[in-house]
């Protein structure tokens, strides 16, 4: 992932998650992340668009046309690339391993 830190930052990972199931424009990404994290992660426009620029450069996302019939002014929409899906999956697996270690150390309850 040229140009991106490893592990991924929280905003970058959340943006990739937001695009995993649908193409979205920037404001929709901000709304999706806030809703999924119950407000725990709130992306500002400057954070979002700086991250989007890096994700485009790293080819983890691509710009696509907005779906027809969305009305209003044309918006830029973004789509997860195959490489972006792989990066999101690797980050999720890294976090799952960390949770497993925390369970082993009894910081978290063991799974039933």
PDB file of N, CA and C in Angstrom:
ATOM      1  N   UNK A   1       0.836  -1.179   0.000  1.00  0.00           N
ATOM      2  CA  UNK A   1       0.000   0.000   0.000  1.00  0.00           C
ATOM      3  C   UNK A   1       0.879   1.241   0.000  1.00  0.00           C
ATOM      4  N   UNK A   2       1.400   1.553  -1.133  1.00  0.00           N
ATOM      5  CA  UNK A   2       2.298   2.690  -1.247  1.00  0.00           C
ATOM      6  C   UNK A   2       1.645   3.963  -0.732  1.00  0.00           C
ATOM      7  N   UNK A   3       2.359   4.667   0.135  1.00  0.00           N
ATOM      8  CA  UNK A   3       1.884   5.948   0.619  1.00  0.00           C
ATOM      9  C   UNK A   3       0.916   5.887   1.779  1.00  0.00           C
ATOM     10  N   UNK A   4       0.547   4.695   2.222  1.00  0.00           N
ATOM     11  CA  UNK A   4      -0.374   4.574   3.340  1.00  0.00           C
ATOM     12  C   UNK A   4       0.325   3.898   4.504  1.00  0.00           C
ATOM     13  N   UNK A   5       0.031   4.366   5.730  1.00  0.00           N
ATOM     14  CA  UNK A   5       0.661   3.731   6.890  1.00  0.00           C
ATOM     15  C   UNK A   5       0.101   2.336   7.111  1.00  0.00           C
ATOM     16  N   UNK A   6       0.920   1.515   7.728  1.00  0.00           N
ATOM     17  CA  UNK A   6       0.467   0.185   8.114  1.00  0.00           C
ATOM     18  C   UNK A   6       0.754   0.012   9.599  1.00  0.00           C
ATOM     19  N   UNK A   7      -0.196  -0.258  10.430  1.00  0.00           N
ATOM     20  CA  UNK A   7      -1.588  -0.525  10.100  1.00  0.00           C
ATOM     21  C   UNK A   7      -2.287   0.731   9.583  1.00  0.00           C
ATOM     22  N   UNK A   8      -3.438   0.516   8.959  1.00  0.00           N
ATOM     23  CA  UNK A   8      -4.215   1.625   8.422  1.00  0.00           C
ATOM     24  C   UNK A   8      -4.721   2.505   9.561  1.00  0.00           C
ATOM     25  N   UNK A   9      -4.838   3.790   9.296  1.00  0.00           N
ATOM     26  CA  UNK A   9      -5.425   4.685  10.287  1.00  0.00           C
ATOM     27  C   UNK A   9      -6.924   4.398  10.395  1.00  0.00           C
ATOM     28  N   UNK A  10      -7.497   4.802  11.502  1.00  0.00           N
ATOM     29  CA  UNK A  10      -8.942   4.596  11.690  1.00  0.00           C
ATOM     30  C   UNK A  10      -9.757   5.254  10.574  1.00  0.00           C
ATOM     31  N   UNK A  11      -9.515   6.523  10.209  1.00  0.00           N
ATOM     32  CA  UNK A  11     -10.308   7.100   9.110  1.00  0.00           C
ATOM     33  C   UNK A  11     -10.172   6.326   7.803  1.00  0.00           C
ATOM     34  N   UNK A  12      -8.968   5.919   7.455  1.00  0.00           N
ATOM     35  CA  UNK A  12      -8.769   5.181   6.196  1.00  0.00           C
ATOM     36  C   UNK A  12      -9.499   3.847   6.248  1.00  0.00           C
ATOM     37  N   UNK A  13      -9.370   3.115   7.349  1.00  0.00           N
ATOM     38  CA  UNK A  13     -10.063   1.828   7.456  1.00  0.00           C
ATOM     39  C   UNK A  13     -11.573   2.025   7.391  1.00  0.00           C
ATOM     40  N   UNK A  14     -12.089   3.032   8.076  1.00  0.00           N
ATOM     41  CA  UNK A  14     -13.542   3.272   8.054  1.00  0.00           C
ATOM     42  C   UNK A  14     -14.031   3.649   6.660  1.00  0.00           C
ATOM     43  N   UNK A  15     -13.254   4.405   5.918  1.00  0.00           N
ATOM     44  CA  UNK A  15     -13.640   4.762   4.541  1.00  0.00           C
ATOM     45  C   UNK A  15     -13.687   3.495   3.682  1.00  0.00           C
ATOM     46  N   UNK A  16     -12.684   2.637   3.804  1.00  0.00           N
ATOM     47  CA  UNK A  16     -12.689   1.388   3.035  1.00  0.00           C
ATOM     48  C   UNK A  16     -13.896   0.529   3.417  1.00  0.00           C
ATOM     49  N   UNK A  17     -14.207   0.458   4.714  1.00  0.00           N
ATOM     50  CA  UNK A  17     -15.388  -0.302   5.139  1.00  0.00           C
ATOM     51  C   UNK A  17     -16.657   0.285   4.536  1.00  0.00           C
ATOM     52  N   UNK A  18     -16.735   1.599   4.513  1.00  0.00           N
ATOM     53  CA  UNK A  18     -17.936   2.253   3.980  1.00  0.00           C
ATOM     54  C   UNK A  18     -18.155   1.910   2.511  1.00  0.00           C
ATOM     55  N   UNK A  19     -17.064   1.758   1.780  1.00  0.00           N
ATOM     56  CA  UNK A  19     -17.169   1.484   0.346  1.00  0.00           C
ATOM     57  C   UNK A  19     -17.219  -0.014   0.043  1.00  0.00           C
ATOM     58  N   UNK A  20     -17.170  -0.856   1.059  1.00  0.00           N
ATOM     59  CA  UNK A  20     -17.141  -2.306   0.825  1.00  0.00           C
ATOM     60  C   UNK A  20     -18.457  -2.837   0.277  1.00  0.00           C
ATOM     61  N   UNK A  21     -19.567  -2.181   0.599  1.00  0.00           N
ATOM     62  CA  UNK A  21     -20.859  -2.706   0.144  1.00  0.00           C
ATOM     63  C   UNK A  21     -21.599  -1.795  -0.832  1.00  0.00           C
ATOM     64  N   UNK A  22     -21.040  -0.617  -1.113  1.00  0.00           N
ATOM     65  CA  UNK A  22     -21.727   0.285  -2.049  1.00  0.00           C
ATOM     66  C   UNK A  22     -20.789   1.405  -2.475  1.00  0.00           C
ATOM     67  N   UNK A  23     -21.020   1.907  -3.687  1.00  0.00           N
ATOM     68  CA  UNK A  23     -20.325   3.119  -4.117  1.00  0.00           C
ATOM     69  C   UNK A  23     -20.965   4.280  -3.349  1.00  0.00           C
ATOM     70  N   UNK A  24     -20.164   5.204  -2.898  1.00  0.00           N
ATOM     71  CA  UNK A  24     -20.712   6.334  -2.140  1.00  0.00           C
ATOM     72  C   UNK A  24     -19.967   7.617  -2.498  1.00  0.00           C
ATOM     73  N   UNK A  25     -20.663   8.745  -2.389  1.00  0.00           N
ATOM     74  CA  UNK A  25     -19.999  10.052  -2.491  1.00  0.00           C
ATOM     75  C   UNK A  25     -19.507  10.433  -1.098  1.00  0.00           C
ATOM     76  N   UNK A  26     -18.701  11.465  -1.034  1.00  0.00           N
ATOM     77  CA  UNK A  26     -18.050  11.819   0.216  1.00  0.00           C
ATOM     78  C   UNK A  26     -18.986  12.021   1.393  1.00  0.00           C
ATOM     79  N   UNK A  27     -20.052  12.794   1.183  1.00  0.00           N
ATOM     80  CA  UNK A  27     -20.969  13.053   2.298  1.00  0.00           C
ATOM     81  C   UNK A  27     -21.627  11.752   2.769  1.00  0.00           C
ATOM     82  N   UNK A  28     -21.943  10.852   1.842  1.00  0.00           N
ATOM     83  CA  UNK A  28     -22.547   9.568   2.225  1.00  0.00           C
ATOM     84  C   UNK A  28     -21.556   8.735   3.036  1.00  0.00           C
ATOM     85  N   UNK A  29     -20.267   8.817   2.706  1.00  0.00           N
ATOM     86  CA  UNK A  29     -19.247   8.102   3.490  1.00  0.00           C
ATOM     87  C   UNK A  29     -19.229   8.650   4.914  1.00  0.00           C
ATOM     88  N   UNK A  30     -19.244   9.982   5.049  1.00  0.00           N
ATOM     89  CA  UNK A  30     -19.243  10.603   6.388  1.00  0.00           C
ATOM     90  C   UNK A  30     -20.452  10.117   7.184  1.00  0.00           C
ATOM     91  N   UNK A  31     -21.626  10.108   6.564  1.00  0.00           N
ATOM     92  CA  UNK A  31     -22.847   9.678   7.253  1.00  0.00           C
ATOM     93  C   UNK A  31     -22.782   8.197   7.615  1.00  0.00           C
ATOM     94  N   UNK A  32     -22.299   7.354   6.696  1.00  0.00           N
ATOM     95  CA  UNK A  32     -22.219   5.911   6.944  1.00  0.00           C
ATOM     96  C   UNK A  32     -21.283   5.614   8.105  1.00  0.00           C
ATOM     97  N   UNK A  33     -20.122   6.243   8.114  1.00  0.00           N
ATOM     98  CA  UNK A  33     -19.149   5.995   9.184  1.00  0.00           C
ATOM     99  C   UNK A  33     -19.727   6.434  10.533  1.00  0.00           C
ATOM    100  N   UNK A  34     -20.334   7.597  10.585  1.00  0.00           N
ATOM    101  CA  UNK A  34     -20.923   8.082  11.847  1.00  0.00           C
ATOM    102  C   UNK A  34     -22.012   7.130  12.327  1.00  0.00           C
ATOM    103  N   UNK A  35     -22.850   6.639  11.406  1.00  0.00           N
ATOM    104  CA  UNK A  35     -23.951   5.737  11.798  1.00  0.00           C
ATOM    105  C   UNK A  35     -23.418   4.388  12.267  1.00  0.00           C
ATOM    106  N   UNK A  36     -22.475   3.792  11.510  1.00  0.00           N
ATOM    107  CA  UNK A  36     -21.949   2.469  11.869  1.00  0.00           C
ATOM    108  C   UNK A  36     -21.190   2.480  13.180  1.00  0.00           C
ATOM    109  N   UNK A  37     -20.476   3.592  13.450  1.00  0.00           N
ATOM    110  CA  UNK A  37     -19.676   3.662  14.676  1.00  0.00           C
ATOM    111  C   UNK A  37     -20.448   4.329  15.812  1.00  0.00           C
ATOM    112  N   UNK A  38     -21.718   4.585  15.574  1.00  0.00           N
ATOM    113  CA  UNK A  38     -22.573   5.253  16.567  1.00  0.00           C
ATOM    114  C   UNK A  38     -21.927   6.547  17.045  1.00  0.00           C
ATOM    115  N   UNK A  39     -21.351   7.293  16.097  1.00  0.00           N
ATOM    116  CA  UNK A  39     -20.767   8.594  16.385  1.00  0.00           C
ATOM    117  C   UNK A  39     -19.371   8.547  16.972  1.00  0.00           C
ATOM    118  N   UNK A  40     -18.841   7.343  17.178  1.00  0.00           N
ATOM    119  CA  UNK A  40     -17.496   7.224  17.756  1.00  0.00           C
ATOM    120  C   UNK A  40     -16.437   7.776  16.798  1.00  0.00           C
ATOM    121  N   UNK A  41     -16.646   7.570  15.504  1.00  0.00           N
ATOM    122  CA  UNK A  41     -15.729   8.100  14.484  1.00  0.00           C
ATOM    123  C   UNK A  41     -16.507   9.112  13.662  1.00  0.00           C
ATOM    124  N   UNK A  42     -16.081  10.351  13.729  1.00  0.00           N
ATOM    125  CA  UNK A  42     -16.703  11.418  12.943  1.00  0.00           C
ATOM    126  C   UNK A  42     -15.633  11.998  12.030  1.00  0.00           C
ATOM    127  N   UNK A  43     -15.837  11.821  10.731  1.00  0.00           N
ATOM    128  CA  UNK A  43     -14.885  12.324   9.751  1.00  0.00           C
ATOM    129  C   UNK A  43     -15.242  13.755   9.387  1.00  0.00           C
ATOM    130  N   UNK A  44     -14.256  14.646   9.421  1.00  0.00           N
ATOM    131  CA  UNK A  44     -14.473  15.991   8.893  1.00  0.00           C
ATOM    132  C   UNK A  44     -14.248  15.926   7.387  1.00  0.00           C
ATOM    133  N   UNK A  45     -14.735  16.924   6.681  1.00  0.00           N
ATOM    134  CA  UNK A  45     -14.542  16.958   5.230  1.00  0.00           C
ATOM    135  C   UNK A  45     -13.057  16.986   4.886  1.00  0.00           C
ATOM    136  N   UNK A  46     -12.263  17.737   5.638  1.00  0.00           N
ATOM    137  CA  UNK A  46     -10.831  17.809   5.319  1.00  0.00           C
ATOM    138  C   UNK A  46     -10.146  16.468   5.548  1.00  0.00           C
ATOM    139  N   UNK A  47     -10.495  15.767   6.620  1.00  0.00           N
ATOM    140  CA  UNK A  47      -9.921  14.434   6.872  1.00  0.00           C
ATOM    141  C   UNK A  47     -10.345  13.466   5.781  1.00  0.00           C
ATOM    142  N   UNK A  48     -11.628  13.497   5.441  1.00  0.00           N
ATOM    143  CA  UNK A  48     -12.153  12.582   4.426  1.00  0.00           C
ATOM    144  C   UNK A  48     -11.452  12.787   3.085  1.00  0.00           C
ATOM    145  N   UNK A  49     -11.409  14.028   2.617  1.00  0.00           N
ATOM    146  CA  UNK A  49     -10.875  14.239   1.268  1.00  0.00           C
ATOM    147  C   UNK A  49      -9.353  14.076   1.204  1.00  0.00           C
ATOM    148  N   UNK A  50      -8.654  14.338   2.308  1.00  0.00           N
ATOM    149  CA  UNK A  50      -7.211  14.046   2.326  1.00  0.00           C
ATOM    150  C   UNK A  50      -6.996  12.533   2.241  1.00  0.00           C
ATOM    151  N   UNK A  51      -7.809  11.765   2.978  1.00  0.00           N
ATOM    152  CA  UNK A  51      -7.693  10.300   2.938  1.00  0.00           C
ATOM    153  C   UNK A  51      -8.095   9.773   1.561  1.00  0.00           C
ATOM    154  N   UNK A  52      -9.154  10.320   0.991  1.00  0.00           N
ATOM    155  CA  UNK A  52      -9.585   9.877  -0.343  1.00  0.00           C
ATOM    156  C   UNK A  52      -8.486  10.121  -1.367  1.00  0.00           C
ATOM    157  N   UNK A  53      -7.814  11.262  -1.274  1.00  0.00           N
ATOM    158  CA  UNK A  53      -6.716  11.547  -2.212  1.00  0.00           C
ATOM    159  C   UNK A  53      -5.631  10.471  -2.090  1.00  0.00           C
ATOM    160  N   UNK A  54      -5.266  10.108  -0.858  1.00  0.00           N
ATOM    161  CA  UNK A  54      -4.235   9.082  -0.659  1.00  0.00           C
ATOM    162  C   UNK A  54      -4.714   7.717  -1.145  1.00  0.00           C
ATOM    163  N   UNK A  55      -5.996   7.412  -0.889  1.00  0.00           N
ATOM    164  CA  UNK A  55      -6.544   6.118  -1.333  1.00  0.00           C
ATOM    165  C   UNK A  55      -6.606   6.026  -2.852  1.00  0.00           C
ATOM    166  N   UNK A  56      -6.917   7.127  -3.510  1.00  0.00           N
ATOM    167  CA  UNK A  56      -6.917   7.140  -4.978  1.00  0.00           C
ATOM    168  C   UNK A  56      -5.495   6.938  -5.508  1.00  0.00           C
ATOM    169  N   UNK A  57      -4.539   7.629  -4.904  1.00  0.00           N
ATOM    170  CA  UNK A  57      -3.142   7.504  -5.338  1.00  0.00           C
ATOM    171  C   UNK A  57      -2.617   6.085  -5.135  1.00  0.00           C
ATOM    172  N   UNK A  58      -3.058   5.442  -4.050  1.00  0.00           N
ATOM    173  CA  UNK A  58      -2.627   4.060  -3.756  1.00  0.00           C
ATOM    174  C   UNK A  58      -3.453   3.040  -4.528  1.00  0.00           C
ATOM    175  N   UNK A  59      -4.446   3.516  -5.292  1.00  0.00           N
ATOM    176  CA  UNK A  59      -5.337   2.671  -6.096  1.00  0.00           C
ATOM    177  C   UNK A  59      -6.154   1.684  -5.262  1.00  0.00           C
ATOM    178  N   UNK A  60      -6.473   2.115  -4.031  1.00  0.00           N
ATOM    179  CA  UNK A  60      -7.329   1.286  -3.194  1.00  0.00           C
ATOM    180  C   UNK A  60      -8.796   1.614  -3.433  1.00  0.00           C
ATOM    181  N   UNK A  61      -9.052   2.797  -3.989  1.00  0.00           N
ATOM    182  CA  UNK A  61     -10.396   3.170  -4.412  1.00  0.00           C
ATOM    183  C   UNK A  61     -10.280   3.815  -5.786  1.00  0.00           C
ATOM    184  N   UNK A  62     -11.405   3.921  -6.468  1.00  0.00           N
ATOM    185  CA  UNK A  62     -11.443   4.603  -7.761  1.00  0.00           C
ATOM    186  C   UNK A  62     -12.670   5.494  -7.801  1.00  0.00           C
ATOM    187  N   UNK A  63     -12.568   6.538  -8.608  1.00  0.00           N
ATOM    188  CA  UNK A  63     -13.691   7.439  -8.773  1.00  0.00           C
ATOM    189  C   UNK A  63     -14.624   6.852  -9.822  1.00  0.00           C
ATOM    190  N   UNK A  64     -15.935   6.912  -9.579  1.00  0.00           N
ATOM    191  CA  UNK A  64     -16.925   6.403 -10.517  1.00  0.00           C
ATOM    192  C   UNK A  64     -18.040   7.434 -10.660  1.00  0.00           C
ATOM    193  N   UNK A  65     -18.817   7.293 -11.728  1.00  0.00           N
ATOM    194  CA  UNK A  65     -19.947   8.192 -11.929  1.00  0.00           C
ATOM    195  C   UNK A  65     -21.038   7.895 -10.915  1.00  0.00           C
ATOM    196  N   UNK A  66     -21.735   8.943 -10.514  1.00  0.00           N
ATOM    197  CA  UNK A  66     -22.867   8.767  -9.608  1.00  0.00           C
ATOM    198  C   UNK A  66     -23.966   8.011 -10.339  1.00  0.00           C
ATOM    199  N   UNK A  67     -24.719   7.178  -9.632  1.00  0.00           N
ATOM    200  CA  UNK A  67     -25.816   6.460 -10.275  1.00  0.00           C
ATOM    201  C   UNK A  67     -26.821   7.441 -10.879  1.00  0.00           C
ATOM    202  N   UNK A  68     -27.424   7.037 -11.990  1.00  0.00           N
ATOM    203  CA  UNK A  68     -28.416   7.887 -12.650  1.00  0.00           C
ATOM    204  C   UNK A  68     -29.616   8.083 -11.737  1.00  0.00           C
ATOM    205  N   UNK A  69     -30.226   9.239 -11.868  1.00  0.00           N
ATOM    206  CA  UNK A  69     -31.442   9.503 -11.117  1.00  0.00           C
ATOM    207  C   UNK A  69     -31.222   9.943  -9.689  1.00  0.00           C
ATOM    208  N   UNK A  70     -29.970  10.278  -9.340  1.00  0.00           N
ATOM    209  CA  UNK A  70     -29.723  10.719  -7.975  1.00  0.00           C
ATOM    210  C   UNK A  70     -30.092  12.182  -7.787  1.00  0.00           C
ATOM    211  N   UNK A  71     -30.305  12.892  -8.914  1.00  0.00           N
ATOM    212  CA  UNK A  71     -30.737  14.284  -8.841  1.00  0.00           C
ATOM    213  C   UNK A  71     -29.675  15.195  -8.284  1.00  0.00           C
ATOM    214  N   UNK A  72     -29.977  16.480  -8.313  1.00  0.00           N
ATOM    215  CA  UNK A  72     -29.049  17.460  -7.770  1.00  0.00           C
ATOM    216  C   UNK A  72     -27.796  17.590  -8.610  1.00  0.00           C
ATOM    217  N   UNK A  73     -26.843  18.305  -8.052  1.00  0.00           N
ATOM    218  CA  UNK A  73     -25.582  18.526  -8.736  1.00  0.00           C
ATOM    219  C   UNK A  73     -24.807  17.224  -8.846  1.00  0.00           C
ATOM    220  N   UNK A  74     -24.036  17.062  -9.934  1.00  0.00           N
ATOM    221  CA  UNK A  74     -23.235  15.838 -10.064  1.00  0.00           C
ATOM    222  C   UNK A  74     -22.238  15.715  -8.908  1.00  0.00           C
ATOM    223  N   UNK A  75     -22.081  14.516  -8.402  1.00  0.00           N
ATOM    224  CA  UNK A  75     -21.159  14.274  -7.293  1.00  0.00           C
ATOM    225  C   UNK A  75     -20.153  13.224  -7.712  1.00  0.00           C
ATOM    226  N   UNK A  76     -18.998  13.312  -7.099  1.00  0.00           N
ATOM    227  CA  UNK A  76     -17.990  12.276  -7.311  1.00  0.00           C
ATOM    228  C   UNK A  76     -18.317  11.129  -6.370  1.00  0.00           C
ATOM    229  N   UNK A  77     -18.359   9.937  -6.905  1.00  0.00           N
ATOM    230  CA  UNK A  77     -18.568   8.747  -6.082  1.00  0.00           C
ATOM    231  C   UNK A  77     -17.295   7.909  -6.115  1.00  0.00           C
ATOM    232  N   UNK A  78     -17.168   7.074  -5.122  1.00  0.00           N
ATOM    233  CA  UNK A  78     -15.952   6.270  -4.988  1.00  0.00           C
ATOM    234  C   UNK A  78     -16.331   4.807  -4.841  1.00  0.00           C
ATOM    235  N   UNK A  79     -15.440   3.952  -5.352  1.00  0.00           N
ATOM    236  CA  UNK A  79     -15.656   2.505  -5.330  1.00  0.00           C
ATOM    237  C   UNK A  79     -14.381   1.831  -4.829  1.00  0.00           C
ATOM    238  N   UNK A  80     -14.558   0.812  -4.033  1.00  0.00           N
ATOM    239  CA  UNK A  80     -13.428   0.016  -3.551  1.00  0.00           C
ATOM    240  C   UNK A  80     -12.863  -0.803  -4.707  1.00  0.00           C
ATOM    241  N   UNK A  81     -11.559  -0.811  -4.866  1.00  0.00           N
ATOM    242  CA  UNK A  81     -10.926  -1.660  -5.876  1.00  0.00           C
ATOM    243  C   UNK A  81     -10.629  -3.030  -5.258  1.00  0.00           C
ATOM    244  N   UNK A  82     -10.214  -3.954  -6.078  1.00  0.00           N
ATOM    245  CA  UNK A  82      -9.834  -5.282  -5.569  1.00  0.00           C
ATOM    246  C   UNK A  82      -8.710  -5.141  -4.530  1.00  0.00           C
ATOM    247  N   UNK A  83      -7.738  -4.288  -4.828  1.00  0.00           N
ATOM    248  CA  UNK A  83      -6.623  -4.057  -3.893  1.00  0.00           C
ATOM    249  C   UNK A  83      -7.138  -3.408  -2.594  1.00  0.00           C
ATOM    250  N   UNK A  84      -8.104  -2.510  -2.722  1.00  0.00           N
ATOM    251  CA  UNK A  84      -8.687  -1.879  -1.542  1.00  0.00           C
ATOM    252  C   UNK A  84      -9.419  -2.877  -0.669  1.00  0.00           C
ATOM    253  N   UNK A  85     -10.144  -3.811  -1.312  1.00  0.00           N
ATOM    254  CA  UNK A  85     -10.842  -4.851  -0.551  1.00  0.00           C
ATOM    255  C   UNK A  85      -9.828  -5.735   0.173  1.00  0.00           C
ATOM    256  N   UNK A  86      -8.737  -6.057  -0.494  1.00  0.00           N
ATOM    257  CA  UNK A  86      -7.695  -6.873   0.136  1.00  0.00           C
ATOM    258  C   UNK A  86      -7.084  -6.130   1.334  1.00  0.00           C
ATOM    259  N   UNK A  87      -6.808  -4.833   1.170  1.00  0.00           N
ATOM    260  CA  UNK A  87      -6.226  -4.045   2.260  1.00  0.00           C
ATOM    261  C   UNK A  87      -7.179  -3.975   3.452  1.00  0.00           C
ATOM    262  N   UNK A  88      -8.472  -3.782   3.195  1.00  0.00           N
ATOM    263  CA  UNK A  88      -9.454  -3.731   4.286  1.00  0.00           C
ATOM    264  C   UNK A  88      -9.537  -5.083   4.996  1.00  0.00           C
ATOM    265  N   UNK A  89      -9.531  -6.162   4.209  1.00  0.00           N
ATOM    266  CA  UNK A  89      -9.598  -7.506   4.807  1.00  0.00           C
ATOM    267  C   UNK A  89      -8.361  -7.778   5.665  1.00  0.00           C
ATOM    268  N   UNK A  90      -7.172  -7.416   5.171  1.00  0.00           N
ATOM    269  CA  UNK A  90      -5.946  -7.628   5.945  1.00  0.00           C
ATOM    270  C   UNK A  90      -5.970  -6.833   7.252  1.00  0.00           C
ATOM    271  N   UNK A  91      -6.493  -5.617   7.201  1.00  0.00           N
ATOM    272  CA  UNK A  91      -6.569  -4.803   8.420  1.00  0.00           C
ATOM    273  C   UNK A  91      -7.566  -5.429   9.408  1.00  0.00           C
ATOM    274  N   UNK A  92      -8.703  -5.891   8.905  1.00  0.00           N
ATOM    275  CA  UNK A  92      -9.690  -6.542   9.781  1.00  0.00           C
ATOM    276  C   UNK A  92      -9.100  -7.801  10.408  1.00  0.00           C
ATOM    277  N   UNK A  93      -8.338  -8.571   9.636  1.00  0.00           N
ATOM    278  CA  UNK A  93      -7.701  -9.780  10.168  1.00  0.00           C
ATOM    279  C   UNK A  93      -6.663  -9.419  11.230  1.00  0.00           C
ATOM    280  N   UNK A  94      -5.919  -8.331  11.002  1.00  0.00           N
ATOM    281  CA  UNK A  94      -4.928  -7.873  11.992  1.00  0.00           C
ATOM    282  C   UNK A  94      -5.639  -7.521  13.299  1.00  0.00           C
ATOM    283  N   UNK A  95      -6.762  -6.816  13.198  1.00  0.00           N
ATOM    284  CA  UNK A  95      -7.511  -6.433  14.396  1.00  0.00           C
ATOM    285  C   UNK A  95      -8.098  -7.661  15.083  1.00  0.00           C
ATOM    286  N   UNK A  96      -8.566  -8.648  14.308  1.00  0.00           N
ATOM    287  CA  UNK A  96      -9.118  -9.871  14.896  1.00  0.00           C
ATOM    288  C   UNK A  96      -8.034 -10.623  15.683  1.00  0.00           C
ATOM    289  N   UNK A  97      -6.811 -10.645  15.139  1.00  0.00           N
ATOM    290  CA  UNK A  97      -5.713 -11.287  15.873  1.00  0.00           C
ATOM    291  C   UNK A  97      -5.437 -10.555  17.189  1.00  0.00           C
ATOM    292  N   UNK A  98      -5.506  -9.225  17.184  1.00  0.00           N
ATOM    293  CA  UNK A  98      -5.296  -8.438  18.408  1.00  0.00           C
ATOM    294  C   UNK A  98      -6.389  -8.733  19.432  1.00  0.00           C
ATOM    295  N   UNK A  99      -7.623  -8.865  18.979  1.00  0.00           N
ATOM    296  CA  UNK A  99      -8.731  -9.204  19.893  1.00  0.00           C
ATOM    297  C   UNK A  99      -8.501 -10.595  20.487  1.00  0.00           C
ATOM    298  N   UNK A 100      -8.046 -11.537  19.674  1.00  0.00           N
ATOM    299  CA  UNK A 100      -7.779 -12.886  20.172  1.00  0.00           C
ATOM    300  C   UNK A 100      -6.686 -12.850  21.246  1.00  0.00           C
ATOM    301  N   UNK A 101      -5.666 -12.045  21.038  1.00  0.00           N
ATOM    302  CA  UNK A 101      -4.601 -11.919  22.045  1.00  0.00           C
ATOM    303  C   UNK A 101      -5.147 -11.310  23.331  1.00  0.00           C
ATOM    304  N   UNK A 102      -6.027 -10.328  23.213  1.00  0.00           N
ATOM    305  CA  UNK A 102      -6.634  -9.709  24.399  1.00  0.00           C
ATOM    306  C   UNK A 102      -7.499 -10.725  25.144  1.00  0.00           C
ATOM    307  N   UNK A 103      -8.173 -11.613  24.409  1.00  0.00           N
ATOM    308  CA  UNK A 103      -8.962 -12.673  25.060  1.00  0.00           C
ATOM    309  C   UNK A 103      -8.028 -13.637  25.788  1.00  0.00           C
ATOM    310  N   UNK A 104      -6.917 -13.997  25.150  1.00  0.00           N
ATOM    311  CA  UNK A 104      -5.957 -14.897  25.788  1.00  0.00           C
ATOM    312  C   UNK A 104      -5.414 -14.300  27.081  1.00  0.00           C
ATOM    313  N   UNK A 105      -5.277 -12.994  27.138  1.00  0.00           N
ATOM    314  CA  UNK A 105      -4.754 -12.308  28.330  1.00  0.00           C
ATOM    315  C   UNK A 105      -5.869 -11.918  29.298  1.00  0.00           C
ATOM    316  N   UNK A 106      -7.079 -12.378  28.983  1.00  0.00           N
ATOM    317  CA  UNK A 106      -8.250 -12.149  29.831  1.00  0.00           C
ATOM    318  C   UNK A 106      -8.600 -10.673  29.991  1.00  0.00           C
ATOM    319  N   UNK A 107      -8.247  -9.902  28.988  1.00  0.00           N
ATOM    320  CA  UNK A 107      -8.695  -8.507  28.970  1.00  0.00           C
ATOM    321  C   UNK A 107     -10.116  -8.417  28.440  1.00  0.00           C
ATOM    322  N   UNK A 108     -10.497  -9.413  27.662  1.00  0.00           N
ATOM    323  CA  UNK A 108     -11.850  -9.509  27.114  1.00  0.00           C
ATOM    324  C   UNK A 108     -12.395 -10.881  27.467  1.00  0.00           C
ATOM    325  N   UNK A 109     -13.719 -10.999  27.591  1.00  0.00           N
ATOM    326  CA  UNK A 109     -14.289 -12.326  27.863  1.00  0.00           C
ATOM    327  C   UNK A 109     -14.051 -13.268  26.692  1.00  0.00           C
ATOM    328  N   UNK A 110     -13.904 -14.549  27.007  1.00  0.00           N
ATOM    329  CA  UNK A 110     -13.751 -15.556  25.957  1.00  0.00           C
ATOM    330  C   UNK A 110     -15.076 -15.708  25.235  1.00  0.00           C
ATOM    331  N   UNK A 111     -14.986 -16.082  23.969  1.00  0.00           N
ATOM    332  CA  UNK A 111     -16.202 -16.321  23.193  1.00  0.00           C
ATOM    333  C   UNK A 111     -16.940 -17.521  23.755  1.00  0.00           C
ATOM    334  N   UNK A 112     -18.276 -17.487  23.708  1.00  0.00           N
ATOM    335  CA  UNK A 112     -19.090 -18.611  24.193  1.00  0.00           C
ATOM    336  C   UNK A 112     -19.041 -19.748  23.219  1.00  0.00           C
TER     337      UNK A 112
END
